[in-house]
Amino acid sequence: MTDSEQQNIGGAPEFSEAQYERGRLLFAGECDFIFGAQQTGQLPPPEFPEVAFAGRSNVGKSSLVNALTGRKTLARASSEPGRTKQLNFFNLRNELLLVDMPGYGFAKASKSVKEDWQEMMFDYLRGRPVLQRVMLLLDARIEMKATDREVMDLLDRAAVGFQIILTKCDSIGPQRLAEKIRVTDIEARRHPAAHPYIIATSSESGLGIPELRAELASLKDRRS
């Protein structure tokens, strides 16, 4: 499936050549890890616009950040799902901060750890005025979990806009992907904080990466 076919299925608007180019140039620049915060009191000053990436453990957040920036090891996945408990900040050309949030939904975590995760994330979401949007990653190969819906509810309560990004879409065929986008869109429409357009991606094939870069560049431009 081509990028344009994916966009038509998802109902997303076509990006112009200028928008694609802005996205390409933004992510062609330097991108460096600058800080890891384990508590909201440790957050860096709100100097630049921020976009956060959230998702279940092993959904492919690190792979997607690496694909966006064209780097193989900028973001590293933990060898033990659910082990990372901090917000990781990446500075993109002093124009946009990418925030890698800890994965959720790890089965081995205790109830207290899950509650601590939710409290920290809610504090970050509510108290970060430069946060433009949360990109909520869902694995296209599996059905949506209760924890995914819980996070959508959390984002609704925090009044923070989020956009669903499907990952690992190269692993399923076009018809299955179209159906996945359809059912995901139905769920998203139940949430007032949800952005209306879903982007299907693959860190392996590059599907949706230009579109996501263009989308993120548009969020950066809001504060230019």
N, C-alpha and C. Protein backbone atom coordinates (compact mmCIF):
# COMPACT_ATOMS: atom_id res chain seq x y z
N MET A 1 0.85 -1.20 0.00
CA MET A 1 0.00 0.00 0.00
C MET A 1 0.87 1.24 0.00
N THR A 2 0.58 2.15 -0.87
CA THR A 2 1.36 3.39 -0.94
C THR A 2 0.93 4.35 0.15
N ASP A 3 1.77 5.38 0.39
CA ASP A 3 1.44 6.38 1.39
C ASP A 3 0.14 7.08 1.06
N SER A 4 -0.07 7.41 -0.24
CA SER A 4 -1.29 8.13 -0.61
C SER A 4 -2.53 7.25 -0.39
N GLU A 5 -2.41 5.95 -0.65
CA GLU A 5 -3.53 5.05 -0.42
C GLU A 5 -3.85 4.97 1.06
N GLN A 6 -2.80 4.92 1.88
CA GLN A 6 -2.99 4.89 3.32
C GLN A 6 -3.69 6.13 3.80
N GLN A 7 -3.31 7.29 3.27
CA GLN A 7 -3.93 8.53 3.69
C GLN A 7 -5.41 8.56 3.33
N ASN A 8 -5.76 8.05 2.14
CA ASN A 8 -7.15 8.04 1.72
C ASN A 8 -7.99 7.14 2.64
N ILE A 9 -7.45 5.99 3.01
CA ILE A 9 -8.18 5.08 3.89
C ILE A 9 -8.40 5.75 5.24
N GLY A 10 -7.37 6.41 5.77
CA GLY A 10 -7.47 7.02 7.08
C GLY A 10 -8.30 8.28 7.10
N GLY A 11 -8.68 8.81 5.94
CA GLY A 11 -9.46 10.02 5.89
C GLY A 11 -8.63 11.27 6.12
N ALA A 12 -7.31 11.13 6.13
CA ALA A 12 -6.44 12.28 6.40
C ALA A 12 -6.30 13.14 5.15
N PRO A 13 -6.08 14.43 5.32
CA PRO A 13 -5.92 15.31 4.16
C PRO A 13 -4.60 15.06 3.45
N GLU A 14 -4.57 15.41 2.20
CA GLU A 14 -3.33 15.33 1.45
C GLU A 14 -2.40 16.45 1.91
N PHE A 15 -1.13 16.13 2.05
CA PHE A 15 -0.14 17.16 2.37
C PHE A 15 0.41 17.73 1.08
N SER A 16 0.71 19.01 1.10
CA SER A 16 1.30 19.65 -0.07
C SER A 16 2.79 19.34 -0.13
N GLU A 17 3.40 19.58 -1.28
CA GLU A 17 4.84 19.37 -1.41
C GLU A 17 5.60 20.25 -0.42
N ALA A 18 5.11 21.47 -0.20
CA ALA A 18 5.77 22.37 0.74
C ALA A 18 5.71 21.82 2.16
N GLN A 19 4.59 21.20 2.53
CA GLN A 19 4.46 20.62 3.87
C GLN A 19 5.38 19.42 4.04
N TYR A 20 5.45 18.58 3.00
CA TYR A 20 6.38 17.45 3.06
C TYR A 20 7.81 17.95 3.20
N GLU A 21 8.15 18.99 2.48
CA GLU A 21 9.52 19.51 2.52
C GLU A 21 9.84 20.11 3.88
N ARG A 22 8.89 20.80 4.49
CA ARG A 22 9.13 21.34 5.83
C ARG A 22 9.38 20.22 6.83
N GLY A 23 8.62 19.14 6.69
CA GLY A 23 8.82 18.00 7.56
C GLY A 23 10.17 17.34 7.33
N ARG A 24 10.55 17.21 6.07
CA ARG A 24 11.84 16.58 5.75
C ARG A 24 12.99 17.40 6.30
N LEU A 25 12.93 18.72 6.09
CA LEU A 25 14.01 19.58 6.55
C LEU A 25 14.11 19.61 8.07
N LEU A 26 12.97 19.61 8.74
CA LEU A 26 12.98 19.62 10.20
C LEU A 26 13.70 18.39 10.75
N PHE A 27 13.37 17.23 10.20
CA PHE A 27 13.93 15.99 10.72
C PHE A 27 15.29 15.64 10.11
N ALA A 28 15.73 16.45 9.16
CA ALA A 28 17.09 16.28 8.63
C ALA A 28 18.11 16.96 9.53
N GLY A 29 17.63 17.77 10.47
CA GLY A 29 18.53 18.50 11.35
C GLY A 29 19.02 17.67 12.53
N GLU A 30 19.83 18.30 13.36
CA GLU A 30 20.37 17.63 14.54
C GLU A 30 19.25 17.29 15.52
N CYS A 31 19.34 16.12 16.11
CA CYS A 31 18.40 15.70 17.14
C CYS A 31 19.18 14.97 18.22
N ASP A 32 19.13 15.49 19.44
CA ASP A 32 19.95 14.93 20.51
C ASP A 32 19.13 14.67 21.77
N PHE A 33 19.48 13.60 22.45
CA PHE A 33 18.89 13.34 23.76
C PHE A 33 19.43 14.39 24.73
N ILE A 34 18.52 15.04 25.45
CA ILE A 34 18.97 16.10 26.35
C ILE A 34 18.65 15.84 27.81
N PHE A 35 17.60 15.04 28.08
CA PHE A 35 17.24 14.89 29.48
C PHE A 35 16.30 13.72 29.69
N GLY A 36 16.42 13.09 30.86
CA GLY A 36 15.48 12.06 31.28
C GLY A 36 14.93 12.44 32.64
N ALA A 37 13.62 12.60 32.73
CA ALA A 37 12.98 13.04 33.97
C ALA A 37 12.18 11.91 34.58
N GLN A 38 12.48 11.56 35.82
CA GLN A 38 11.74 10.53 36.53
C GLN A 38 10.63 11.11 37.39
N GLN A 39 10.66 12.43 37.57
CA GLN A 39 9.63 13.13 38.32
C GLN A 39 9.29 14.42 37.58
N THR A 40 8.06 14.88 37.74
CA THR A 40 7.66 16.09 37.03
C THR A 40 8.45 17.31 37.50
N GLY A 41 8.98 17.25 38.71
CA GLY A 41 9.80 18.35 39.20
C GLY A 41 11.14 18.44 38.53
N GLN A 42 11.50 17.42 37.76
CA GLN A 42 12.78 17.39 37.06
C GLN A 42 12.67 17.80 35.60
N LEU A 43 11.50 18.20 35.16
CA LEU A 43 11.31 18.52 33.75
C LEU A 43 12.15 19.72 33.33
N PRO A 44 12.65 19.70 32.09
CA PRO A 44 13.40 20.86 31.59
C PRO A 44 12.48 22.06 31.43
N PRO A 45 13.03 23.27 31.38
CA PRO A 45 12.19 24.46 31.20
C PRO A 45 11.36 24.36 29.93
N PRO A 46 10.11 24.84 29.96
CA PRO A 46 9.23 24.77 28.78
C PRO A 46 9.61 25.81 27.74
N GLU A 47 10.71 25.54 27.05
CA GLU A 47 11.29 26.52 26.12
C GLU A 47 10.81 26.36 24.70
N PHE A 48 10.63 25.09 24.26
CA PHE A 48 10.25 24.80 22.88
C PHE A 48 8.94 24.02 22.84
N PRO A 49 8.23 24.04 21.71
CA PRO A 49 7.04 23.19 21.57
C PRO A 49 7.42 21.73 21.74
N GLU A 50 6.51 20.95 22.33
CA GLU A 50 6.77 19.54 22.58
C GLU A 50 5.68 18.67 21.98
N VAL A 51 6.09 17.49 21.53
CA VAL A 51 5.16 16.44 21.10
C VAL A 51 5.57 15.17 21.82
N ALA A 52 4.63 14.54 22.50
CA ALA A 52 4.94 13.34 23.28
C ALA A 52 4.47 12.09 22.54
N PHE A 53 5.22 11.01 22.71
CA PHE A 53 4.89 9.72 22.12
C PHE A 53 4.54 8.75 23.24
N ALA A 54 3.32 8.23 23.20
CA ALA A 54 2.85 7.29 24.22
C ALA A 54 2.42 6.00 23.57
N GLY A 55 2.47 4.90 24.33
CA GLY A 55 2.03 3.62 23.78
C GLY A 55 2.36 2.49 24.73
N ARG A 56 1.76 1.36 24.47
CA ARG A 56 2.06 0.17 25.27
C ARG A 56 3.51 -0.23 25.11
N SER A 57 4.02 -0.95 26.09
CA SER A 57 5.37 -1.50 25.99
C SER A 57 5.49 -2.34 24.72
N ASN A 58 6.58 -2.17 24.01
CA ASN A 58 6.87 -2.91 22.77
C ASN A 58 5.99 -2.51 21.59
N VAL A 59 5.36 -1.33 21.66
CA VAL A 59 4.55 -0.89 20.53
C VAL A 59 5.40 -0.35 19.39
N GLY A 60 6.66 -0.02 19.70
CA GLY A 60 7.56 0.49 18.66
C GLY A 60 7.83 1.97 18.75
N LYS A 61 7.73 2.55 19.95
CA LYS A 61 7.99 3.99 20.10
C LYS A 61 9.42 4.35 19.73
N SER A 62 10.37 3.62 20.28
CA SER A 62 11.77 3.93 20.01
C SER A 62 12.10 3.78 18.53
N SER A 63 11.56 2.73 17.91
CA SER A 63 11.81 2.51 16.48
C SER A 63 11.23 3.64 15.65
N LEU A 64 10.05 4.14 16.05
CA LEU A 64 9.43 5.21 15.29
C LEU A 64 10.21 6.51 15.42
N VAL A 65 10.66 6.83 16.63
CA VAL A 65 11.48 8.04 16.83
C VAL A 65 12.75 7.94 16.00
N ASN A 66 13.36 6.76 15.99
CA ASN A 66 14.57 6.58 15.20
C ASN A 66 14.30 6.72 13.70
N ALA A 67 13.17 6.18 13.24
CA ALA A 67 12.82 6.29 11.83
C ALA A 67 12.55 7.73 11.44
N LEU A 68 11.87 8.47 12.30
CA LEU A 68 11.57 9.87 12.01
C LEU A 68 12.84 10.69 11.86
N THR A 69 13.79 10.44 12.73
CA THR A 69 15.02 11.24 12.76
C THR A 69 16.12 10.66 11.88
N GLY A 70 15.88 9.48 11.30
CA GLY A 70 16.89 8.87 10.44
C GLY A 70 18.09 8.35 11.19
N ARG A 71 17.89 8.03 12.46
CA ARG A 71 18.98 7.51 13.29
C ARG A 71 18.60 6.15 13.84
N LYS A 72 19.57 5.27 13.97
CA LYS A 72 19.28 3.90 14.39
C LYS A 72 19.25 3.73 15.91
N THR A 73 19.98 4.56 16.63
CA THR A 73 20.12 4.34 18.07
C THR A 73 19.85 5.59 18.89
N LEU A 74 19.13 6.56 18.33
CA LEU A 74 18.84 7.77 19.10
C LEU A 74 18.00 7.41 20.32
N ALA A 75 16.90 6.69 20.09
CA ALA A 75 16.05 6.21 21.17
C ALA A 75 16.26 4.72 21.31
N ARG A 76 16.47 4.27 22.54
CA ARG A 76 16.75 2.86 22.78
C ARG A 76 15.61 2.23 23.57
N ALA A 77 15.17 1.06 23.09
CA ALA A 77 14.13 0.33 23.80
C ALA A 77 14.75 -0.47 24.93
N SER A 78 14.05 -0.53 26.05
CA SER A 78 14.53 -1.32 27.18
C SER A 78 14.45 -2.80 26.85
N SER A 79 15.41 -3.57 27.36
CA SER A 79 15.39 -5.01 27.14
C SER A 79 14.31 -5.70 27.96
N GLU A 80 13.80 -4.98 28.96
CA GLU A 80 12.73 -5.52 29.79
C GLU A 80 11.52 -4.61 29.69
N PRO A 81 10.42 -5.06 29.07
CA PRO A 81 9.25 -4.21 28.90
C PRO A 81 8.78 -3.62 30.22
N GLY A 82 8.50 -2.31 30.19
CA GLY A 82 8.01 -1.64 31.37
C GLY A 82 9.09 -1.16 32.31
N ARG A 83 10.34 -1.38 31.95
CA ARG A 83 11.42 -1.02 32.86
C ARG A 83 11.69 0.48 32.86
N THR A 84 11.57 1.11 31.69
CA THR A 84 11.81 2.54 31.59
C THR A 84 10.71 3.30 32.31
N LYS A 85 11.09 4.14 33.27
CA LYS A 85 10.10 4.86 34.07
C LYS A 85 10.30 6.36 33.97
N GLN A 86 10.92 6.84 32.91
CA GLN A 86 11.18 8.27 32.82
C GLN A 86 10.74 8.83 31.49
N LEU A 87 10.54 10.15 31.49
CA LEU A 87 10.24 10.89 30.27
C LEU A 87 11.57 11.27 29.62
N ASN A 88 11.80 10.82 28.39
CA ASN A 88 13.04 11.12 27.70
C ASN A 88 12.80 12.23 26.67
N PHE A 89 13.61 13.28 26.75
CA PHE A 89 13.44 14.45 25.91
C PHE A 89 14.54 14.49 24.83
N PHE A 90 14.11 14.70 23.58
CA PHE A 90 15.03 14.82 22.45
C PHE A 90 14.83 16.18 21.80
N ASN A 91 15.92 16.92 21.66
CA ASN A 91 15.86 18.28 21.10
C ASN A 91 16.10 18.21 19.60
N LEU A 92 15.11 18.65 18.84
CA LEU A 92 15.18 18.64 17.37
C LEU A 92 15.42 20.06 16.88
N ARG A 93 16.67 20.38 16.63
CA ARG A 93 17.08 21.67 16.03
C ARG A 93 16.65 22.90 16.84
N ASN A 94 16.47 22.74 18.14
CA ASN A 94 15.97 23.85 18.96
C ASN A 94 14.64 24.39 18.45
N GLU A 95 13.87 23.52 17.79
CA GLU A 95 12.57 23.91 17.25
C GLU A 95 11.43 23.07 17.82
N LEU A 96 11.74 21.85 18.20
CA LEU A 96 10.70 20.94 18.68
C LEU A 96 11.35 19.91 19.60
N LEU A 97 10.70 19.63 20.72
CA LEU A 97 11.16 18.56 21.61
C LEU A 97 10.27 17.34 21.41
N LEU A 98 10.90 16.20 21.19
CA LEU A 98 10.19 14.93 21.12
C LEU A 98 10.30 14.27 22.49
N VAL A 99 9.19 13.86 23.06
CA VAL A 99 9.17 13.30 24.40
C VAL A 99 8.73 11.84 24.33
N ASP A 100 9.63 10.95 24.70
CA ASP A 100 9.36 9.52 24.71
C ASP A 100 8.85 9.16 26.10
N MET A 101 7.56 8.84 26.19
CA MET A 101 6.95 8.53 27.47
C MET A 101 7.14 7.06 27.82
N PRO A 102 7.17 6.70 29.10
CA PRO A 102 7.30 5.29 29.48
C PRO A 102 6.16 4.46 28.93
N GLY A 103 6.47 3.25 28.50
CA GLY A 103 5.43 2.36 28.01
C GLY A 103 4.47 1.96 29.11
N TYR A 104 3.23 1.71 28.74
CA TYR A 104 2.24 1.28 29.72
C TYR A 104 1.73 -0.11 29.34
N GLY A 105 0.96 -0.71 30.23
CA GLY A 105 0.33 -1.98 29.92
C GLY A 105 1.20 -3.19 30.14
N PHE A 106 2.34 -3.03 30.85
CA PHE A 106 3.22 -4.18 31.07
C PHE A 106 2.63 -5.05 32.17
N ALA A 107 2.47 -6.33 31.89
CA ALA A 107 1.71 -7.24 32.75
C ALA A 107 2.36 -7.46 34.12
N LYS A 108 3.69 -7.40 34.20
CA LYS A 108 4.38 -7.72 35.45
C LYS A 108 4.37 -6.58 36.46
N ALA A 109 3.93 -5.42 36.05
CA ALA A 109 3.97 -4.28 36.95
C ALA A 109 2.93 -4.41 38.05
N SER A 110 3.31 -3.98 39.25
CA SER A 110 2.40 -4.01 40.37
C SER A 110 1.35 -2.91 40.23
N LYS A 111 0.29 -3.01 41.01
CA LYS A 111 -0.76 -2.00 40.97
C LYS A 111 -0.22 -0.63 41.34
N SER A 112 0.69 -0.58 42.33
CA SER A 112 1.25 0.70 42.77
C SER A 112 2.10 1.34 41.68
N VAL A 113 2.85 0.51 40.92
CA VAL A 113 3.66 1.04 39.83
C VAL A 113 2.77 1.63 38.74
N LYS A 114 1.69 0.93 38.41
CA LYS A 114 0.76 1.42 37.40
C LYS A 114 0.11 2.73 37.85
N GLU A 115 -0.24 2.82 39.13
CA GLU A 115 -0.85 4.04 39.65
C GLU A 115 0.15 5.19 39.64
N ASP A 116 1.42 4.89 39.97
CA ASP A 116 2.47 5.92 39.93
C ASP A 116 2.66 6.42 38.50
N TRP A 117 2.64 5.49 37.52
CA TRP A 117 2.77 5.88 36.11
C TRP A 117 1.65 6.83 35.73
N GLN A 118 0.42 6.47 36.08
CA GLN A 118 -0.72 7.29 35.70
C GLN A 118 -0.64 8.67 36.35
N GLU A 119 -0.25 8.72 37.62
CA GLU A 119 -0.16 10.00 38.31
C GLU A 119 0.90 10.89 37.67
N MET A 120 2.08 10.32 37.36
CA MET A 120 3.15 11.11 36.76
C MET A 120 2.74 11.60 35.37
N MET A 121 2.13 10.74 34.58
CA MET A 121 1.73 11.14 33.23
C MET A 121 0.66 12.22 33.28
N PHE A 122 -0.30 12.09 34.21
CA PHE A 122 -1.35 13.09 34.31
C PHE A 122 -0.76 14.44 34.72
N ASP A 123 0.18 14.41 35.67
CA ASP A 123 0.82 15.66 36.10
C ASP A 123 1.57 16.31 34.95
N TYR A 124 2.27 15.50 34.15
CA TYR A 124 3.00 16.04 33.01
C TYR A 124 2.04 16.62 31.98
N LEU A 125 1.00 15.87 31.66
CA LEU A 125 0.06 16.29 30.62
C LEU A 125 -0.66 17.59 31.00
N ARG A 126 -1.06 17.68 32.26
CA ARG A 126 -1.82 18.86 32.69
C ARG A 126 -0.93 20.08 32.92
N GLY A 127 0.34 19.82 33.25
CA GLY A 127 1.19 20.93 33.66
C GLY A 127 2.22 21.37 32.65
N ARG A 128 2.06 20.99 31.38
CA ARG A 128 3.06 21.30 30.36
C ARG A 128 2.44 22.19 29.30
N PRO A 129 2.53 23.50 29.42
CA PRO A 129 1.85 24.41 28.49
C PRO A 129 2.39 24.34 27.06
N VAL A 130 3.63 23.85 26.88
CA VAL A 130 4.21 23.80 25.53
C VAL A 130 3.86 22.50 24.81
N LEU A 131 3.16 21.59 25.48
CA LEU A 131 2.80 20.31 24.85
C LEU A 131 1.74 20.54 23.79
N GLN A 132 2.09 20.24 22.55
CA GLN A 132 1.19 20.47 21.42
C GLN A 132 0.22 19.31 21.18
N ARG A 133 0.72 18.09 21.33
CA ARG A 133 -0.12 16.92 21.06
C ARG A 133 0.59 15.67 21.56
N VAL A 134 -0.20 14.68 21.91
CA VAL A 134 0.33 13.35 22.23
C VAL A 134 0.07 12.44 21.05
N MET A 135 1.11 11.79 20.57
CA MET A 135 0.96 10.79 19.53
C MET A 135 0.80 9.44 20.23
N LEU A 136 -0.40 8.87 20.15
CA LEU A 136 -0.70 7.62 20.82
C LEU A 136 -0.49 6.47 19.86
N LEU A 137 0.53 5.66 20.11
CA LEU A 137 0.90 4.58 19.21
C LEU A 137 0.14 3.30 19.55
N LEU A 138 -0.43 2.69 18.53
CA LEU A 138 -1.13 1.40 18.67
C LEU A 138 -0.56 0.43 17.66
N ASP A 139 -0.32 -0.79 18.08
CA ASP A 139 0.20 -1.85 17.22
C ASP A 139 -0.91 -2.30 16.27
N ALA A 140 -0.69 -2.15 14.97
CA ALA A 140 -1.72 -2.49 13.98
C ALA A 140 -2.03 -3.97 13.95
N ARG A 141 -1.14 -4.80 14.48
CA ARG A 141 -1.30 -6.25 14.37
C ARG A 141 -2.25 -6.83 15.42
N ILE A 142 -2.50 -6.07 16.49
CA ILE A 142 -3.29 -6.62 17.58
C ILE A 142 -4.48 -5.72 17.88
N GLU A 143 -5.45 -6.26 18.56
CA GLU A 143 -6.66 -5.50 18.89
C GLU A 143 -6.35 -4.47 19.98
N MET A 144 -7.14 -3.44 20.01
CA MET A 144 -6.99 -2.41 21.02
C MET A 144 -7.26 -3.00 22.40
N LYS A 145 -6.43 -2.65 23.37
CA LYS A 145 -6.55 -3.18 24.71
C LYS A 145 -7.29 -2.20 25.62
N ALA A 146 -7.74 -2.73 26.77
CA ALA A 146 -8.42 -1.89 27.76
C ALA A 146 -7.50 -0.77 28.23
N THR A 147 -6.21 -1.06 28.34
CA THR A 147 -5.27 -0.03 28.80
C THR A 147 -5.13 1.10 27.78
N ASP A 148 -5.28 0.79 26.49
CA ASP A 148 -5.26 1.84 25.47
C ASP A 148 -6.44 2.79 25.67
N ARG A 149 -7.60 2.21 25.93
CA ARG A 149 -8.79 3.05 26.15
C ARG A 149 -8.66 3.86 27.44
N GLU A 150 -8.02 3.27 28.44
CA GLU A 150 -7.81 3.99 29.70
C GLU A 150 -6.93 5.21 29.48
N VAL A 151 -5.90 5.06 28.63
CA VAL A 151 -5.02 6.19 28.35
C VAL A 151 -5.77 7.25 27.56
N MET A 152 -6.63 6.84 26.63
CA MET A 152 -7.45 7.82 25.91
C MET A 152 -8.35 8.59 26.87
N ASP A 153 -8.92 7.88 27.85
CA ASP A 153 -9.74 8.53 28.87
C ASP A 153 -8.91 9.52 29.68
N LEU A 154 -7.67 9.12 30.01
CA LEU A 154 -6.77 9.99 30.76
C LEU A 154 -6.48 11.27 29.98
N LEU A 155 -6.26 11.12 28.68
CA LEU A 155 -5.99 12.29 27.84
C LEU A 155 -7.23 13.17 27.71
N ASP A 156 -8.40 12.55 27.67
CA ASP A 156 -9.64 13.34 27.68
C ASP A 156 -9.73 14.18 28.95
N ARG A 157 -9.46 13.53 30.09
CA ARG A 157 -9.57 14.23 31.37
C ARG A 157 -8.53 15.34 31.49
N ALA A 158 -7.36 15.10 30.91
CA ALA A 158 -6.31 16.11 30.96
C ALA A 158 -6.52 17.20 29.92
N ALA A 159 -7.51 17.01 29.05
CA ALA A 159 -7.80 17.98 27.98
C ALA A 159 -6.58 18.21 27.10
N VAL A 160 -5.90 17.11 26.76
CA VAL A 160 -4.72 17.16 25.89
C VAL A 160 -5.05 16.44 24.59
N GLY A 161 -4.91 17.12 23.47
CA GLY A 161 -5.19 16.51 22.19
C GLY A 161 -4.25 15.36 21.88
N PHE A 162 -4.79 14.29 21.32
CA PHE A 162 -3.95 13.17 20.93
C PHE A 162 -4.33 12.68 19.54
N GLN A 163 -3.35 12.08 18.88
CA GLN A 163 -3.54 11.53 17.54
C GLN A 163 -3.06 10.10 17.53
N ILE A 164 -3.86 9.21 16.98
CA ILE A 164 -3.49 7.79 16.95
C ILE A 164 -2.57 7.52 15.77
N ILE A 165 -1.45 6.86 16.07
CA ILE A 165 -0.48 6.45 15.06
C ILE A 165 -0.40 4.93 15.11
N LEU A 166 -0.76 4.27 14.03
CA LEU A 166 -0.64 2.82 13.96
C LEU A 166 0.78 2.44 13.57
N THR A 167 1.35 1.49 14.29
CA THR A 167 2.72 1.05 14.03
C THR A 167 2.74 -0.37 13.47
N LYS A 168 3.88 -0.73 12.88
CA LYS A 168 4.12 -2.07 12.37
C LYS A 168 3.11 -2.47 11.29
N CYS A 169 2.71 -1.49 10.50
CA CYS A 169 1.68 -1.73 9.48
C CYS A 169 2.18 -2.54 8.30
N ASP A 170 3.50 -2.69 8.17
CA ASP A 170 4.05 -3.52 7.10
C ASP A 170 3.79 -5.00 7.34
N SER A 171 3.37 -5.35 8.57
CA SER A 171 3.18 -6.75 8.92
C SER A 171 1.79 -7.28 8.57
N ILE A 172 0.91 -6.40 8.09
CA ILE A 172 -0.43 -6.84 7.72
C ILE A 172 -0.75 -6.37 6.31
N GLY A 173 -1.69 -7.04 5.67
CA GLY A 173 -2.05 -6.71 4.30
C GLY A 173 -2.94 -5.48 4.21
N PRO A 174 -3.13 -4.96 2.98
CA PRO A 174 -3.92 -3.74 2.78
C PRO A 174 -5.35 -3.83 3.31
N GLN A 175 -6.02 -4.94 3.07
CA GLN A 175 -7.41 -5.06 3.53
C GLN A 175 -7.49 -5.07 5.05
N ARG A 176 -6.60 -5.79 5.67
CA ARG A 176 -6.59 -5.84 7.13
C ARG A 176 -6.23 -4.49 7.71
N LEU A 177 -5.32 -3.78 7.06
CA LEU A 177 -4.95 -2.44 7.53
C LEU A 177 -6.13 -1.48 7.40
N ALA A 178 -6.84 -1.56 6.29
CA ALA A 178 -8.00 -0.70 6.10
C ALA A 178 -9.05 -0.95 7.18
N GLU A 179 -9.27 -2.21 7.52
CA GLU A 179 -10.23 -2.54 8.57
C GLU A 179 -9.73 -2.05 9.93
N LYS A 180 -8.43 -2.17 10.17
CA LYS A 180 -7.86 -1.70 11.44
C LYS A 180 -8.06 -0.19 11.58
N ILE A 181 -7.81 0.53 10.51
CA ILE A 181 -8.01 1.98 10.54
C ILE A 181 -9.47 2.31 10.79
N ARG A 182 -10.37 1.55 10.18
CA ARG A 182 -11.80 1.81 10.32
C ARG A 182 -12.26 1.65 11.78
N VAL A 183 -11.90 0.52 12.40
CA VAL A 183 -12.36 0.27 13.78
C VAL A 183 -11.67 1.21 14.76
N THR A 184 -10.42 1.56 14.47
CA THR A 184 -9.71 2.49 15.34
C THR A 184 -10.33 3.87 15.27
N ASP A 185 -10.74 4.26 14.07
CA ASP A 185 -11.39 5.55 13.87
C ASP A 185 -12.70 5.63 14.65
N ILE A 186 -13.45 4.53 14.68
CA ILE A 186 -14.70 4.49 15.43
C ILE A 186 -14.43 4.73 16.91
N GLU A 187 -13.41 4.08 17.44
CA GLU A 187 -13.06 4.26 18.85
C GLU A 187 -12.59 5.68 19.12
N ALA A 188 -11.76 6.22 18.23
CA ALA A 188 -11.22 7.56 18.44
C ALA A 188 -12.32 8.61 18.51
N ARG A 189 -13.36 8.42 17.72
CA ARG A 189 -14.44 9.40 17.67
C ARG A 189 -15.25 9.44 18.97
N ARG A 190 -15.03 8.47 19.84
CA ARG A 190 -15.70 8.49 21.14
C ARG A 190 -14.99 9.39 22.14
N HIS A 191 -13.82 9.90 21.76
CA HIS A 191 -13.00 10.67 22.69
C HIS A 191 -12.87 12.12 22.22
N PRO A 192 -13.31 13.07 23.04
CA PRO A 192 -13.28 14.47 22.62
C PRO A 192 -11.88 15.02 22.37
N ALA A 193 -10.86 14.42 22.99
CA ALA A 193 -9.49 14.92 22.81
C ALA A 193 -8.80 14.33 21.58
N ALA A 194 -9.45 13.40 20.88
CA ALA A 194 -8.80 12.70 19.77
C ALA A 194 -8.77 13.56 18.51
N HIS A 195 -7.62 13.57 17.86
CA HIS A 195 -7.47 14.20 16.55
C HIS A 195 -8.19 13.32 15.53
N PRO A 196 -8.85 13.89 14.53
CA PRO A 196 -9.69 13.08 13.64
C PRO A 196 -8.96 12.22 12.63
N TYR A 197 -7.64 12.37 12.47
CA TYR A 197 -6.95 11.63 11.42
C TYR A 197 -5.94 10.65 12.00
N ILE A 198 -5.97 9.44 11.49
CA ILE A 198 -5.06 8.37 11.91
C ILE A 198 -3.97 8.23 10.85
N ILE A 199 -2.74 8.03 11.31
CA ILE A 199 -1.63 7.82 10.38
C ILE A 199 -1.09 6.41 10.58
N ALA A 200 -1.07 5.61 9.52
CA ALA A 200 -0.52 4.27 9.54
C ALA A 200 0.96 4.33 9.18
N THR A 201 1.80 3.71 9.99
CA THR A 201 3.24 3.81 9.79
C THR A 201 3.93 2.45 9.84
N SER A 202 5.14 2.44 9.35
CA SER A 202 6.05 1.31 9.50
C SER A 202 7.46 1.85 9.61
N SER A 203 8.12 1.55 10.71
CA SER A 203 9.51 1.96 10.88
C SER A 203 10.43 1.19 9.95
N GLU A 204 9.98 0.02 9.48
CA GLU A 204 10.78 -0.82 8.59
C GLU A 204 10.68 -0.35 7.14
N SER A 205 9.46 -0.17 6.64
CA SER A 205 9.28 0.18 5.22
C SER A 205 9.25 1.68 4.97
N GLY A 206 9.04 2.47 6.03
CA GLY A 206 8.95 3.92 5.87
C GLY A 206 7.55 4.41 5.58
N LEU A 207 6.56 3.50 5.56
CA LEU A 207 5.17 3.89 5.36
C LEU A 207 4.76 4.95 6.38
N GLY A 208 4.18 6.04 5.90
CA GLY A 208 3.63 7.06 6.78
C GLY A 208 4.64 7.98 7.43
N ILE A 209 5.93 7.71 7.27
CA ILE A 209 6.94 8.55 7.93
C ILE A 209 6.94 9.97 7.36
N PRO A 210 6.89 10.17 6.03
CA PRO A 210 6.82 11.55 5.52
C PRO A 210 5.58 12.29 6.00
N GLU A 211 4.44 11.59 6.09
CA GLU A 211 3.22 12.22 6.57
C GLU A 211 3.35 12.62 8.03
N LEU A 212 3.93 11.75 8.83
CA LEU A 212 4.08 12.07 10.25
C LEU A 212 5.06 13.21 10.45
N ARG A 213 6.12 13.24 9.67
CA ARG A 213 7.06 14.38 9.75
C ARG A 213 6.34 15.68 9.39
N ALA A 214 5.53 15.66 8.35
CA ALA A 214 4.80 16.86 7.94
C ALA A 214 3.83 17.30 9.03
N GLU A 215 3.16 16.33 9.64
CA GLU A 215 2.21 16.63 10.73
C GLU A 215 2.94 17.27 11.91
N LEU A 216 4.08 16.71 12.28
CA LEU A 216 4.83 17.25 13.42
C LEU A 216 5.40 18.63 13.11
N ALA A 217 5.82 18.84 11.87
CA ALA A 217 6.32 20.16 11.49
C ALA A 217 5.22 21.20 11.59
N SER A 218 3.99 20.81 11.29
CA SER A 218 2.88 21.76 11.39
C SER A 218 2.61 22.13 12.84
N LEU A 219 2.86 21.21 13.77
CA LEU A 219 2.67 21.51 15.19
C LEU A 219 3.76 22.46 15.67
N LYS A 220 4.97 22.26 15.19
CA LYS A 220 6.06 23.18 15.52
C LYS A 220 5.77 24.57 15.03
N ASP A 221 5.19 24.65 13.82
CA ASP A 221 4.92 25.95 13.20
C ASP A 221 3.84 26.73 13.92
N ARG A 222 3.04 26.06 14.75
CA ARG A 222 2.01 26.77 15.50
C ARG A 222 2.59 27.84 16.41
N ARG A 223 3.83 27.59 16.86
CA ARG A 223 4.44 28.51 17.82
C ARG A 223 5.59 29.30 17.24
N SER A 224 5.73 29.25 15.92
CA SER A 224 6.82 29.98 15.26
C SER A 224 6.57 31.47 15.34
